[in-house]
C-alpha atoms as a PDB file:
ATOM      1  CA  MET A   1       3.860  14.096   5.207  1.00  0.00           C
ATOM      2  CA  THR A   2       5.875  13.712   8.339  1.00  0.00           C
ATOM      3  CA  THR A   3       7.272  10.464   9.610  1.00  0.00           C
ATOM      4  CA  ILE A   4       4.541   7.929  10.426  1.00  0.00           C
ATOM      5  CA  THR A   5       4.704   7.009  14.093  1.00  0.00           C
ATOM      6  CA  HIS A   6       1.483   5.081  14.702  1.00  0.00           C
ATOM      7  CA  GLU A   7      -1.050   2.804  13.064  1.00  0.00           C
ATOM      8  CA  ASN A   8      -3.719   5.445  12.401  1.00  0.00           C
ATOM      9  CA  GLN A   9      -1.261   7.605  10.487  1.00  0.00           C
ATOM     10  CA  LEU A  10      -0.236   4.632   8.362  1.00  0.00           C
ATOM     11  CA  GLN A  11      -3.843   3.779   7.569  1.00  0.00           C
ATOM     12  CA  LEU A  12      -4.651   7.378   6.630  1.00  0.00           C
ATOM     13  CA  TYR A  13      -1.572   7.535   4.415  1.00  0.00           C
ATOM     14  CA  CYS A  14      -2.641   4.339   2.637  1.00  0.00           C
ATOM     15  CA  GLU A  15      -6.144   5.729   2.188  1.00  0.00           C
ATOM     16  CA  ASP A  16      -4.633   8.830   0.562  1.00  0.00           C
ATOM     17  CA  LEU A  17      -2.553   6.692  -1.801  1.00  0.00           C
ATOM     18  CA  ALA A  18      -5.611   4.595  -2.639  1.00  0.00           C
ATOM     19  CA  SER A  19      -7.607   7.751  -3.353  1.00  0.00           C
ATOM     20  CA  GLU A  20      -4.963   8.843  -5.856  1.00  0.00           C
ATOM     21  CA  VAL A  21      -5.059   5.426  -7.527  1.00  0.00           C
ATOM     22  CA  ILE A  22      -8.856   5.499  -7.694  1.00  0.00           C
ATOM     23  CA  ASP A  23      -8.767   8.986  -9.218  1.00  0.00           C
ATOM     24  CA  GLU A  24      -6.432   7.718 -11.945  1.00  0.00           C
ATOM     25  CA  ILE A  25      -8.747   4.762 -12.611  1.00  0.00           C
ATOM     26  CA  VAL A  26     -11.846   6.979 -12.789  1.00  0.00           C
ATOM     27  CA  GLN A  27     -10.097   9.400 -15.147  1.00  0.00           C
ATOM     28  CA  GLY A  28      -9.175   6.488 -17.401  1.00  0.00           C
ATOM     29  CA  ASN A  29      -5.449   7.108 -17.017  1.00  0.00           C
ATOM     30  CA  THR A  30      -4.597   3.474 -16.395  1.00  0.00           C
ATOM     31  CA  THR A  31      -5.570   0.069 -17.673  1.00  0.00           C
ATOM     32  CA  ASP A  32      -3.684  -1.724 -14.905  1.00  0.00           C
ATOM     33  CA  PRO A  33      -4.570  -0.569 -11.387  1.00  0.00           C
ATOM     34  CA  HIS A  34      -2.177  -3.102  -9.838  1.00  0.00           C
ATOM     35  CA  ASP A  35       0.762  -1.598 -11.704  1.00  0.00           C
ATOM     36  CA  LEU A  36      -0.288   1.863 -10.589  1.00  0.00           C
ATOM     37  CA  ILE A  37      -0.530   0.722  -6.947  1.00  0.00           C
ATOM     38  CA  HIS A  38       3.008  -0.651  -7.172  1.00  0.00           C
ATOM     39  CA  GLN A  39       4.288   2.588  -8.735  1.00  0.00           C
ATOM     40  CA  PHE A  40       2.685   4.782  -6.072  1.00  0.00           C
ATOM     41  CA  CYS A  41       3.955   2.598  -3.229  1.00  0.00           C
ATOM     42  CA  ASP A  42       7.441   2.202  -4.692  1.00  0.00           C
ATOM     43  CA  GLY A  43       7.743   5.977  -5.006  1.00  0.00           C
ATOM     44  CA  SER A  44       6.544   6.631  -1.474  1.00  0.00           C
ATOM     45  CA  GLN A  45       8.844   8.672   0.744  1.00  0.00           C
ATOM     46  CA  HIS A  46       8.229   6.047   3.445  1.00  0.00           C
ATOM     47  CA  VAL A  47       9.848   3.414   1.229  1.00  0.00           C
ATOM     48  CA  ILE A  48      12.606   5.593  -0.234  1.00  0.00           C
ATOM     49  CA  TYR A  49      13.828   7.149   3.028  1.00  0.00           C
ATOM     50  CA  HIS A  50      15.127   4.400   5.259  1.00  0.00           C
ATOM     51  CA  TYR A  51      14.619   6.196   8.552  1.00  0.00           C
ATOM     52  CA  LYS A  52      10.923   6.577   7.699  1.00  0.00           C
ATOM     53  CA  ALA A  53      10.699   2.893   6.834  1.00  0.00           C
ATOM     54  CA  HIS A  54      12.409   1.949  10.094  1.00  0.00           C
ATOM     55  CA  THR A  55       9.967   4.092  12.073  1.00  0.00           C
ATOM     56  CA  ILE A  56       6.972   2.391  10.462  1.00  0.00           C
ATOM     57  CA  CYS A  57       8.472  -1.050  11.142  1.00  0.00           C
ATOM     58  CA  GLN A  58       8.965  -0.114  14.785  1.00  0.00           C
ATOM     59  CA  SER A  59       5.645   1.662  15.327  1.00  0.00           C
ATOM     60  CA  CYS A  60       2.998  -0.092  13.223  1.00  0.00           C
ATOM     61  CA  ASN A  61       1.617  -3.495  12.385  1.00  0.00           C
ATOM     62  CA  VAL A  62       3.589  -4.573   9.322  1.00  0.00           C
ATOM     63  CA  SER A  63       2.558  -8.221   9.186  1.00  0.00           C
ATOM     64  CA  ASP A  64       1.555  -7.972   5.514  1.00  0.00           C
ATOM     65  CA  GLY A  65       4.939  -6.445   4.736  1.00  0.00           C
ATOM     66  CA  GLU A  66       6.721  -9.224   6.589  1.00  0.00           C
ATOM     67  CA  MET A  67       4.744 -11.835   4.633  1.00  0.00           C
ATOM     68  CA  PHE A  68       5.700 -10.027   1.420  1.00  0.00           C
ATOM     69  CA  LEU A  69       9.350 -10.218   2.471  1.00  0.00           C
ATOM     70  CA  GLU A  70       9.031 -13.969   3.051  1.00  0.00           C
ATOM     71  CA  ASP A  71       7.296 -14.446  -0.300  1.00  0.00           C
ATOM     72  CA  ILE A  72       9.945 -12.701  -2.374  1.00  0.00           C
ATOM     73  CA  GLY A  73      12.930 -14.225  -0.582  1.00  0.00           C
ATOM     74  CA  ALA A  74      16.348 -12.721  -0.111  1.00  0.00           C
ATOM     75  CA  PRO A  75      18.106 -10.918  -2.952  1.00  0.00           C
ATOM     76  CA  GLU A  76      21.203 -12.542  -4.411  1.00  0.00           C
ATOM     77  CA  GLY A  77      23.585 -10.384  -2.382  1.00  0.00           C
ATOM     78  CA  GLY A  78      21.593 -10.782   0.837  1.00  0.00           C
ATOM     79  CA  TRP A  79      19.680  -8.206   2.807  1.00  0.00           C
ATOM     80  CA  THR A  80      20.898  -4.963   4.230  1.00  0.00           C
ATOM     81  CA  TYR A  81      19.244  -3.570   7.341  1.00  0.00           C
ATOM     82  CA  ASP A  82      17.877  -0.578   5.414  1.00  0.00           C
ATOM     83  CA  GLY A  83      16.817  -2.623   2.405  1.00  0.00           C
ATOM     84  CA  MET A  84      14.851  -5.012   4.578  1.00  0.00           C
ATOM     85  CA  ALA A  85      12.944  -2.192   6.309  1.00  0.00           C
ATOM     86  CA  SER A  86      12.103  -0.505   3.004  1.00  0.00           C
ATOM     87  CA  THR A  87      10.950  -3.791   1.478  1.00  0.00           C
ATOM     88  CA  ILE A  88       8.710  -4.560   4.454  1.00  0.00           C
ATOM     89  CA  VAL A  89       7.116  -1.114   4.265  1.00  0.00           C
ATOM     90  CA  TYR A  90       6.693  -1.406   0.487  1.00  0.00           C
ATOM     91  CA  GLY A  91       4.917  -4.747   0.937  1.00  0.00           C
ATOM     92  CA  GLU A  92       2.733  -3.316   3.689  1.00  0.00           C
ATOM     93  CA  LEU A  93       1.729  -0.299   1.605  1.00  0.00           C
ATOM     94  CA  VAL A  94       0.915  -2.439  -1.438  1.00  0.00           C
ATOM     95  CA  ALA A  95      -1.251  -4.796   0.636  1.00  0.00           C
ATOM     96  CA  ARG A  96      -3.162  -2.012   2.377  1.00  0.00           C
ATOM     97  CA  VAL A  97      -3.662   0.144  -0.713  1.00  0.00           C
ATOM     98  CA  SER A  98      -4.745  -2.897  -2.746  1.00  0.00           C
ATOM     99  CA  ARG A  99      -7.363  -3.773  -0.121  1.00  0.00           C
ATOM    100  CA  ILE A 100      -8.703  -0.215  -0.029  1.00  0.00           C
ATOM    101  CA  VAL A 101      -8.870   0.039  -3.828  1.00  0.00           C
ATOM    102  CA  GLY A 102     -10.538  -3.382  -3.990  1.00  0.00           C
ATOM    103  CA  ASP A 103     -13.108  -2.376  -1.374  1.00  0.00           C
ATOM    104  CA  ALA A 104     -13.819   0.855  -3.256  1.00  0.00           C
ATOM    105  CA  LYS A 105     -14.316  -1.075  -6.495  1.00  0.00           C
ATOM    106  CA  ASP A 106     -16.718  -3.430  -4.685  1.00  0.00           C
ATOM    107  CA  GLU A 107     -18.689  -0.486  -3.269  1.00  0.00           C
ATOM    108  CA  ARG A 108     -18.850   1.146  -6.695  1.00  0.00           C
ATOM    109  CA  TYR A 109     -20.066  -2.131  -8.210  1.00  0.00           C
ATOM    110  CA  LEU A 110     -22.843  -2.347  -5.620  1.00  0.00           C
ATOM    111  CA  GLU A 111     -23.869   1.222  -6.454  1.00  0.00           C
ATOM    112  CA  LEU A 112     -24.063   0.347 -10.147  1.00  0.00           C
ATOM    113  CA  ILE A 113     -26.160  -2.815  -9.729  1.00  0.00           C
ATOM    114  CA  GLY A 114     -28.294  -1.491  -6.889  1.00  0.00           C
ATOM    115  CA  GLU A 115     -27.451  -2.441  -3.325  1.00  0.00           C
ATOM    116  CA  SER A 116     -31.110  -3.071  -2.493  1.00  0.00           C
ATOM    117  CA  ASN A 117     -30.981  -6.317  -4.467  1.00  0.00           C
ATOM    118  CA  TYR A 118     -28.510  -7.774  -1.982  1.00  0.00           C
ATOM    119  CA  VAL A 119     -29.831  -6.559   1.365  1.00  0.00           C
END
């Protein structure tokens, strides 16, 4: 994928990551979806390549990523400019992908129990 330059691209990218996670869950390849979400997000080119992380920080809403940064605190040696951008994007991806996977699990649950019971 190219560099993400606007919100819609970021959302679509997160939906693609979530789809991969859901496929792994459905295939029974994981017992811990949260760990898998972290692995997929940590390995993302938008986290690894700093210029891609900077572009997302400049072009998209990264409020979840900024909250993640606040929650984890500064590393012992302090932040670098690049490290901060990558950490914000990592936190943003994890939050978005987790929400999408959670929503998909909720939808699947409603399919299994019969949505008509709750309408």
